[in-house]
Amino acid sequence: MKIKSLTELSHIKKELAAQTLREAEKLAQLQREELAKKKRAAQGNLFQAAVGKVQRMQLPQRASLQPAPPPPQPIQFERDEAAALQEALSDEIDITTLLDTDAQLSYRRSGVGADVTQKLRRGHWSIQGQLDLHGFRSDEAREALAGFIRNAHQQGLRCIRIVHGKGLGSPGKTPVLKEKVQRWLVQKSEVIAFVQAPPAQGGAGALVVLLQPQIRSQKEI
């Protein structure tokens, strides 16, 4: 390179000096980083030498002392419901004055016309559900009947059949459940009327029951 003037020479010297300074600073930075790296490695070696060989700790086996949560089934609620059903339906109520014992036994709630039982006998309402109490003990039958009527009414059923049997298998051939079922039905507010079932549907061993409608219209029935 040909230098044309002293000024240009001075400028070149300054650039060379600045480049040399930058390279020196870069080298010094690399030396500092290397020194710090060696220092950290030395400290790590010192710590490892001090603590010796390490081993992962095994987690202790612990038994869970928390009691198991209770089952979600509302057992106490069901017991209370069953007790309430048993208390609500009495075996001692006298219903002789409430029953019509003409050619066939029938019952209608106060304010319900005689044509209702006539329609019930003729099958004006189709039977939508049935409860068969054969083989039930008295307490079981009472609870089953009350629950069945409550559920049938909630579902909007109007006409159901209750089979209580003729008592042919009972001691003394006496229909134990027949009179009790009649007493229980009279005490249920959902029941409007009932009649003895026609021969094809159980005859003296069953009752056809008419339930209150869920939503009452202008007509009673």
C-alpha atoms as a PDB file:
ATOM      1  CA  MET A   1       0.000   0.000   0.000  1.00  0.00           C
ATOM      2  CA  LYS A   2       1.361   3.424  -0.995  1.00  0.00           C
ATOM      3  CA  ILE A   3       0.984   6.140   1.625  1.00  0.00           C
ATOM      4  CA  LYS A   4       0.284   9.504   0.104  1.00  0.00           C
ATOM      5  CA  SER A   5       0.597  11.742   3.132  1.00  0.00           C
ATOM      6  CA  LEU A   6       1.577  11.897   6.786  1.00  0.00           C
ATOM      7  CA  THR A   7      -2.073  12.342   7.754  1.00  0.00           C
ATOM      8  CA  GLU A   8      -2.991   9.087   6.096  1.00  0.00           C
ATOM      9  CA  LEU A   9      -0.072   7.393   7.883  1.00  0.00           C
ATOM     10  CA  SER A  10      -1.239   8.713  11.228  1.00  0.00           C
ATOM     11  CA  HIS A  11      -4.772   7.450  10.557  1.00  0.00           C
ATOM     12  CA  ILE A  12      -3.491   3.947   9.697  1.00  0.00           C
ATOM     13  CA  LYS A  13      -1.426   3.834  12.896  1.00  0.00           C
ATOM     14  CA  LYS A  14      -4.500   4.702  14.954  1.00  0.00           C
ATOM     15  CA  GLU A  15      -6.578   1.951  13.315  1.00  0.00           C
ATOM     16  CA  LEU A  16      -3.828  -0.621  13.908  1.00  0.00           C
ATOM     17  CA  ALA A  17      -3.555   0.425  17.535  1.00  0.00           C
ATOM     18  CA  ALA A  18      -7.345   0.186  18.023  1.00  0.00           C
ATOM     19  CA  GLN A  19      -7.452  -3.279  16.394  1.00  0.00           C
ATOM     20  CA  THR A  20      -4.589  -4.475  18.606  1.00  0.00           C
ATOM     21  CA  LEU A  21      -6.434  -3.171  21.684  1.00  0.00           C
ATOM     22  CA  ARG A  22      -9.693  -4.963  20.724  1.00  0.00           C
ATOM     23  CA  GLU A  23      -7.863  -8.240  20.184  1.00  0.00           C
ATOM     24  CA  ALA A  24      -6.129  -7.870  23.548  1.00  0.00           C
ATOM     25  CA  GLU A  25      -9.468  -7.224  25.309  1.00  0.00           C
ATOM     26  CA  LYS A  26     -11.048 -10.225  23.590  1.00  0.00           C
ATOM     27  CA  LEU A  27      -8.143 -12.450  24.626  1.00  0.00           C
ATOM     28  CA  ALA A  28      -8.370 -11.193  28.197  1.00  0.00           C
ATOM     29  CA  GLN A  29     -12.139 -11.951  28.272  1.00  0.00           C
ATOM     30  CA  LEU A  30     -11.531 -15.512  27.048  1.00  0.00           C
ATOM     31  CA  GLN A  31      -8.868 -15.977  29.715  1.00  0.00           C
ATOM     32  CA  ARG A  32     -11.231 -14.727  32.439  1.00  0.00           C
ATOM     33  CA  GLU A  33     -14.018 -17.104  31.302  1.00  0.00           C
ATOM     34  CA  GLU A  34     -11.627 -20.040  31.210  1.00  0.00           C
ATOM     35  CA  LEU A  35     -10.384 -19.198  34.686  1.00  0.00           C
ATOM     36  CA  ALA A  36     -13.962 -18.986  36.048  1.00  0.00           C
ATOM     37  CA  LYS A  37     -14.829 -22.337  34.447  1.00  0.00           C
ATOM     38  CA  LYS A  38     -11.804 -24.015  36.047  1.00  0.00           C
ATOM     39  CA  LYS A  39     -12.736 -22.430  39.390  1.00  0.00           C
ATOM     40  CA  ARG A  40     -16.297 -23.815  39.269  1.00  0.00           C
ATOM     41  CA  ALA A  41     -15.003 -27.244  38.334  1.00  0.00           C
ATOM     42  CA  ALA A  42     -12.551 -27.146  41.230  1.00  0.00           C
ATOM     43  CA  GLN A  43     -15.322 -26.174  43.681  1.00  0.00           C
ATOM     44  CA  GLY A  44     -17.505 -29.032  42.397  1.00  0.00           C
ATOM     45  CA  ASN A  45     -14.693 -31.482  42.846  1.00  0.00           C
ATOM     46  CA  LEU A  46     -14.125 -30.227  46.375  1.00  0.00           C
ATOM     47  CA  PHE A  47     -17.841 -30.696  47.256  1.00  0.00           C
ATOM     48  CA  GLN A  48     -17.918 -34.210  45.741  1.00  0.00           C
ATOM     49  CA  ALA A  49     -14.760 -35.122  47.608  1.00  0.00           C
ATOM     50  CA  ALA A  50     -16.264 -33.825  50.848  1.00  0.00           C
ATOM     51  CA  VAL A  51     -19.639 -35.639  50.665  1.00  0.00           C
ATOM     52  CA  GLY A  52     -18.385 -38.816  49.032  1.00  0.00           C
ATOM     53  CA  LYS A  53     -20.506 -41.171  46.931  1.00  0.00           C
ATOM     54  CA  VAL A  54     -24.259 -40.461  47.109  1.00  0.00           C
ATOM     55  CA  GLN A  55     -27.228 -42.769  46.643  1.00  0.00           C
ATOM     56  CA  ARG A  56     -30.875 -41.979  45.849  1.00  0.00           C
ATOM     57  CA  MET A  57     -33.061 -42.383  48.944  1.00  0.00           C
ATOM     58  CA  GLN A  58     -35.879 -44.935  48.806  1.00  0.00           C
ATOM     59  CA  LEU A  59     -39.326 -43.547  49.630  1.00  0.00           C
ATOM     60  CA  PRO A  60     -40.677 -45.171  52.820  1.00  0.00           C
ATOM     61  CA  GLN A  61     -43.763 -47.351  52.430  1.00  0.00           C
ATOM     62  CA  ARG A  62     -46.553 -45.677  54.369  1.00  0.00           C
ATOM     63  CA  ALA A  63     -50.034 -46.960  55.073  1.00  0.00           C
ATOM     64  CA  SER A  64     -52.964 -44.650  54.448  1.00  0.00           C
ATOM     65  CA  LEU A  65     -54.667 -44.019  57.792  1.00  0.00           C
ATOM     66  CA  GLN A  66     -57.559 -42.043  56.317  1.00  0.00           C
ATOM     67  CA  PRO A  67     -60.912 -43.848  56.648  1.00  0.00           C
ATOM     68  CA  ALA A  68     -62.634 -44.878  53.451  1.00  0.00           C
ATOM     69  CA  PRO A  69     -65.342 -42.396  52.391  1.00  0.00           C
ATOM     70  CA  PRO A  70     -68.915 -43.550  52.994  1.00  0.00           C
ATOM     71  CA  PRO A  71     -70.782 -44.965  50.001  1.00  0.00           C
ATOM     72  CA  PRO A  72     -72.885 -42.444  48.083  1.00  0.00           C
ATOM     73  CA  GLN A  73     -76.062 -44.412  48.690  1.00  0.00           C
ATOM     74  CA  PRO A  74     -78.295 -42.411  51.096  1.00  0.00           C
ATOM     75  CA  ILE A  75     -78.919 -45.361  53.440  1.00  0.00           C
ATOM     76  CA  GLN A  76     -80.233 -43.312  56.355  1.00  0.00           C
ATOM     77  CA  PHE A  77     -82.584 -41.375  54.075  1.00  0.00           C
ATOM     78  CA  GLU A  78     -83.997 -44.632  52.720  1.00  0.00           C
ATOM     79  CA  ARG A  79     -84.487 -45.937  56.257  1.00  0.00           C
ATOM     80  CA  ASP A  80     -86.312 -42.769  57.256  1.00  0.00           C
ATOM     81  CA  GLU A  81     -88.499 -43.026  54.160  1.00  0.00           C
ATOM     82  CA  ALA A  82     -89.362 -46.644  54.942  1.00  0.00           C
ATOM     83  CA  ALA A  83     -90.167 -45.780  58.556  1.00  0.00           C
ATOM     84  CA  ALA A  84     -92.398 -42.905  57.441  1.00  0.00           C
ATOM     85  CA  LEU A  85     -94.268 -45.184  55.047  1.00  0.00           C
ATOM     86  CA  GLN A  86     -94.894 -47.753  57.769  1.00  0.00           C
ATOM     87  CA  GLU A  87     -96.129 -45.112  60.205  1.00  0.00           C
ATOM     88  CA  ALA A  88     -98.375 -43.474  57.610  1.00  0.00           C
ATOM     89  CA  LEU A  89    -100.370 -46.608  56.745  1.00  0.00           C
ATOM     90  CA  SER A  90    -102.296 -48.068  59.662  1.00  0.00           C
ATOM     91  CA  ASP A  91    -103.669 -51.609  59.892  1.00  0.00           C
ATOM     92  CA  GLU A  92    -106.261 -50.574  62.481  1.00  0.00           C
ATOM     93  CA  ILE A  93    -108.361 -48.053  60.554  1.00  0.00           C
ATOM     94  CA  ASP A  94    -112.023 -49.046  60.134  1.00  0.00           C
ATOM     95  CA  ILE A  95    -113.060 -48.688  56.489  1.00  0.00           C
ATOM     96  CA  THR A  96    -116.334 -50.664  56.548  1.00  0.00           C
ATOM     97  CA  THR A  97    -118.359 -47.482  56.141  1.00  0.00           C
ATOM     98  CA  LEU A  98    -116.185 -46.346  53.231  1.00  0.00           C
ATOM     99  CA  LEU A  99    -116.588 -49.416  51.050  1.00  0.00           C
ATOM    100  CA  ASP A 100    -119.468 -50.191  48.731  1.00  0.00           C
ATOM    101  CA  THR A 101    -120.168 -53.906  48.997  1.00  0.00           C
ATOM    102  CA  ASP A 102    -122.771 -54.425  46.335  1.00  0.00           C
ATOM    103  CA  ALA A 103    -122.230 -57.133  43.726  1.00  0.00           C
ATOM    104  CA  GLN A 104    -118.484 -56.337  43.897  1.00  0.00           C
ATOM    105  CA  LEU A 105    -116.414 -54.424  46.407  1.00  0.00           C
ATOM    106  CA  SER A 106    -115.534 -50.834  45.521  1.00  0.00           C
ATOM    107  CA  TYR A 107    -114.343 -47.570  47.069  1.00  0.00           C
ATOM    108  CA  ARG A 108    -114.509 -43.947  45.955  1.00  0.00           C
ATOM    109  CA  ARG A 109    -113.191 -40.903  47.752  1.00  0.00           C
ATOM    110  CA  SER A 110    -115.663 -38.371  49.118  1.00  0.00           C
ATOM    111  CA  GLY A 111    -116.847 -36.051  46.352  1.00  0.00           C
ATOM    112  CA  VAL A 112    -116.221 -38.601  43.592  1.00  0.00           C
ATOM    113  CA  GLY A 113    -119.324 -39.695  41.697  1.00  0.00           C
ATOM    114  CA  ALA A 114    -120.569 -43.277  41.492  1.00  0.00           C
ATOM    115  CA  ASP A 115    -119.999 -43.232  37.727  1.00  0.00           C
ATOM    116  CA  VAL A 116    -116.244 -43.313  38.405  1.00  0.00           C
ATOM    117  CA  THR A 117    -116.343 -46.806  39.912  1.00  0.00           C
ATOM    118  CA  GLN A 118    -118.660 -47.911  37.129  1.00  0.00           C
ATOM    119  CA  LYS A 119    -116.170 -46.673  34.520  1.00  0.00           C
ATOM    120  CA  LEU A 120    -113.343 -48.322  36.426  1.00  0.00           C
ATOM    121  CA  ARG A 121    -115.142 -51.680  36.303  1.00  0.00           C
ATOM    122  CA  ARG A 122    -115.815 -51.318  32.588  1.00  0.00           C
ATOM    123  CA  GLY A 123    -112.139 -50.639  31.833  1.00  0.00           C
ATOM    124  CA  HIS A 124    -112.573 -46.970  30.922  1.00  0.00           C
ATOM    125  CA  TRP A 125    -108.952 -46.405  32.017  1.00  0.00           C
ATOM    126  CA  SER A 126    -106.333 -48.826  30.737  1.00  0.00           C
ATOM    127  CA  ILE A 127    -104.087 -50.407  33.361  1.00  0.00           C
ATOM    128  CA  GLN A 128    -100.634 -48.813  33.195  1.00  0.00           C
ATOM    129  CA  GLY A 129     -98.830 -50.633  35.987  1.00  0.00           C
ATOM    130  CA  GLN A 130     -99.130 -53.553  38.379  1.00  0.00           C
ATOM    131  CA  LEU A 131     -97.819 -54.584  41.793  1.00  0.00           C
ATOM    132  CA  ASP A 132     -97.944 -58.268  42.743  1.00  0.00           C
ATOM    133  CA  LEU A 133     -97.764 -58.807  46.514  1.00  0.00           C
ATOM    134  CA  HIS A 134     -97.693 -62.615  46.445  1.00  0.00           C
ATOM    135  CA  GLY A 135     -95.115 -63.886  48.935  1.00  0.00           C
ATOM    136  CA  PHE A 136     -94.755 -60.558  50.771  1.00  0.00           C
ATOM    137  CA  ARG A 137     -94.939 -60.326  54.545  1.00  0.00           C
ATOM    138  CA  SER A 138     -97.291 -57.668  55.899  1.00  0.00           C
ATOM    139  CA  ASP A 139     -94.605 -55.034  56.592  1.00  0.00           C
ATOM    140  CA  GLU A 140     -92.935 -55.689  53.239  1.00  0.00           C
ATOM    141  CA  ALA A 141     -96.259 -55.435  51.414  1.00  0.00           C
ATOM    142  CA  ARG A 142     -97.147 -52.146  53.141  1.00  0.00           C
ATOM    143  CA  GLU A 143     -93.812 -50.564  52.217  1.00  0.00           C
ATOM    144  CA  ALA A 144     -93.939 -51.906  48.650  1.00  0.00           C
ATOM    145  CA  LEU A 145     -97.505 -50.676  48.127  1.00  0.00           C
ATOM    146  CA  ALA A 146     -96.824 -47.169  49.427  1.00  0.00           C
ATOM    147  CA  GLY A 147     -93.672 -46.834  47.329  1.00  0.00           C
ATOM    148  CA  PHE A 148     -95.358 -48.211  44.211  1.00  0.00           C
ATOM    149  CA  ILE A 149     -98.295 -45.785  44.447  1.00  0.00           C
ATOM    150  CA  ARG A 150     -96.005 -42.828  45.103  1.00  0.00           C
ATOM    151  CA  ASN A 151     -93.795 -43.655  42.097  1.00  0.00           C
ATOM    152  CA  ALA A 152     -96.792 -44.381  39.836  1.00  0.00           C
ATOM    153  CA  HIS A 153     -98.347 -41.021  40.697  1.00  0.00           C
ATOM    154  CA  GLN A 154     -95.056 -39.196  40.126  1.00  0.00           C
ATOM    155  CA  GLN A 155     -94.849 -40.825  36.687  1.00  0.00           C
ATOM    156  CA  GLY A 156     -98.342 -39.597  35.852  1.00  0.00           C
ATOM    157  CA  LEU A 157     -99.980 -43.051  35.781  1.00  0.00           C
ATOM    158  CA  ARG A 158    -103.754 -43.014  36.289  1.00  0.00           C
ATOM    159  CA  CYS A 159    -104.835 -46.651  36.537  1.00  0.00           C
ATOM    160  CA  ILE A 160    -102.908 -49.488  38.222  1.00  0.00           C
ATOM    161  CA  ARG A 161    -103.619 -52.997  39.470  1.00  0.00           C
ATOM    162  CA  ILE A 162    -102.698 -54.327  42.905  1.00  0.00           C
ATOM    163  CA  VAL A 163    -102.592 -58.121  43.195  1.00  0.00           C
ATOM    164  CA  HIS A 164    -102.994 -59.153  46.845  1.00  0.00           C
ATOM    165  CA  GLY A 165    -104.015 -62.756  46.267  1.00  0.00           C
ATOM    166  CA  LYS A 166    -107.021 -64.778  47.359  1.00  0.00           C
ATOM    167  CA  GLY A 167    -105.300 -66.264  50.386  1.00  0.00           C
ATOM    168  CA  LEU A 168    -105.468 -69.843  49.171  1.00  0.00           C
ATOM    169  CA  GLY A 169    -101.919 -70.436  50.327  1.00  0.00           C
ATOM    170  CA  SER A 170    -102.370 -68.744  53.719  1.00  0.00           C
ATOM    171  CA  PRO A 171    -103.099 -70.576  57.006  1.00  0.00           C
ATOM    172  CA  GLY A 172    -106.846 -71.183  57.229  1.00  0.00           C
ATOM    173  CA  LYS A 173    -107.206 -70.144  53.564  1.00  0.00           C
ATOM    174  CA  THR A 174    -107.769 -66.555  54.782  1.00  0.00           C
ATOM    175  CA  PRO A 175    -106.680 -63.677  52.494  1.00  0.00           C
ATOM    176  CA  VAL A 176    -104.383 -61.923  54.972  1.00  0.00           C
ATOM    177  CA  LEU A 177    -103.347 -59.064  52.701  1.00  0.00           C
ATOM    178  CA  LYS A 178    -106.709 -58.415  51.079  1.00  0.00           C
ATOM    179  CA  GLU A 179    -108.262 -56.339  53.872  1.00  0.00           C
ATOM    180  CA  LYS A 180    -104.930 -54.693  54.735  1.00  0.00           C
ATOM    181  CA  VAL A 181    -104.420 -53.556  51.145  1.00  0.00           C
ATOM    182  CA  GLN A 182    -107.909 -52.023  51.169  1.00  0.00           C
ATOM    183  CA  ARG A 183    -107.111 -50.140  54.401  1.00  0.00           C
ATOM    184  CA  TRP A 184    -103.794 -48.917  53.057  1.00  0.00           C
ATOM    185  CA  LEU A 185    -105.269 -47.717  49.760  1.00  0.00           C
ATOM    186  CA  VAL A 186    -107.986 -45.716  51.522  1.00  0.00           C
ATOM    187  CA  GLN A 187    -105.275 -43.852  53.453  1.00  0.00           C
ATOM    188  CA  LYS A 188    -103.305 -42.866  50.353  1.00  0.00           C
ATOM    189  CA  SER A 189    -104.170 -39.367  49.141  1.00  0.00           C
ATOM    190  CA  GLU A 190    -103.173 -40.301  45.588  1.00  0.00           C
ATOM    191  CA  VAL A 191    -106.018 -42.865  45.394  1.00  0.00           C
ATOM    192  CA  ILE A 192    -109.368 -41.658  44.011  1.00  0.00           C
ATOM    193  CA  ALA A 193    -111.155 -44.996  43.819  1.00  0.00           C
ATOM    194  CA  PHE A 194    -110.666 -48.736  43.482  1.00  0.00           C
ATOM    195  CA  VAL A 195    -112.794 -51.725  42.521  1.00  0.00           C
ATOM    196  CA  GLN A 196    -112.394 -55.461  42.637  1.00  0.00           C
ATOM    197  CA  ALA A 197    -110.716 -56.598  39.437  1.00  0.00           C
ATOM    198  CA  PRO A 198    -112.799 -58.415  36.807  1.00  0.00           C
ATOM    199  CA  PRO A 199    -112.303 -62.212  36.656  1.00  0.00           C
ATOM    200  CA  ALA A 200    -109.912 -61.964  33.688  1.00  0.00           C
ATOM    201  CA  GLN A 201    -107.654 -59.603  35.689  1.00  0.00           C
ATOM    202  CA  GLY A 202    -107.525 -61.440  39.008  1.00  0.00           C
ATOM    203  CA  GLY A 203    -111.089 -61.225  40.325  1.00  0.00           C
ATOM    204  CA  ALA A 204    -111.256 -61.297  44.139  1.00  0.00           C
ATOM    205  CA  GLY A 205    -107.465 -61.531  44.301  1.00  0.00           C
ATOM    206  CA  ALA A 206    -106.792 -58.075  42.861  1.00  0.00           C
ATOM    207  CA  LEU A 207    -107.933 -54.454  42.854  1.00  0.00           C
ATOM    208  CA  VAL A 208    -108.005 -51.932  40.019  1.00  0.00           C
ATOM    209  CA  VAL A 209    -107.010 -48.530  41.403  1.00  0.00           C
ATOM    210  CA  LEU A 210    -107.572 -45.046  39.970  1.00  0.00           C
ATOM    211  CA  LEU A 211    -105.022 -42.380  40.943  1.00  0.00           C
ATOM    212  CA  GLN A 212    -105.307 -38.614  41.107  1.00  0.00           C
ATOM    213  CA  PRO A 213    -104.006 -36.822  38.000  1.00  0.00           C
ATOM    214  CA  GLN A 214    -100.745 -34.990  38.585  1.00  0.00           C
ATOM    215  CA  ILE A 215    -102.050 -31.714  37.137  1.00  0.00           C
ATOM    216  CA  ARG A 216    -105.677 -31.136  37.957  1.00  0.00           C
ATOM    217  CA  SER A 217    -107.810 -29.759  35.165  1.00  0.00           C
ATOM    218  CA  GLN A 218    -111.198 -28.053  35.418  1.00  0.00           C
ATOM    219  CA  LYS A 219    -112.857 -31.475  35.473  1.00  0.00           C
ATOM    220  CA  GLU A 220    -112.268 -33.532  38.598  1.00  0.00           C
ATOM    221  CA  ILE A 221    -111.709 -36.720  36.590  1.00  0.00           C
END
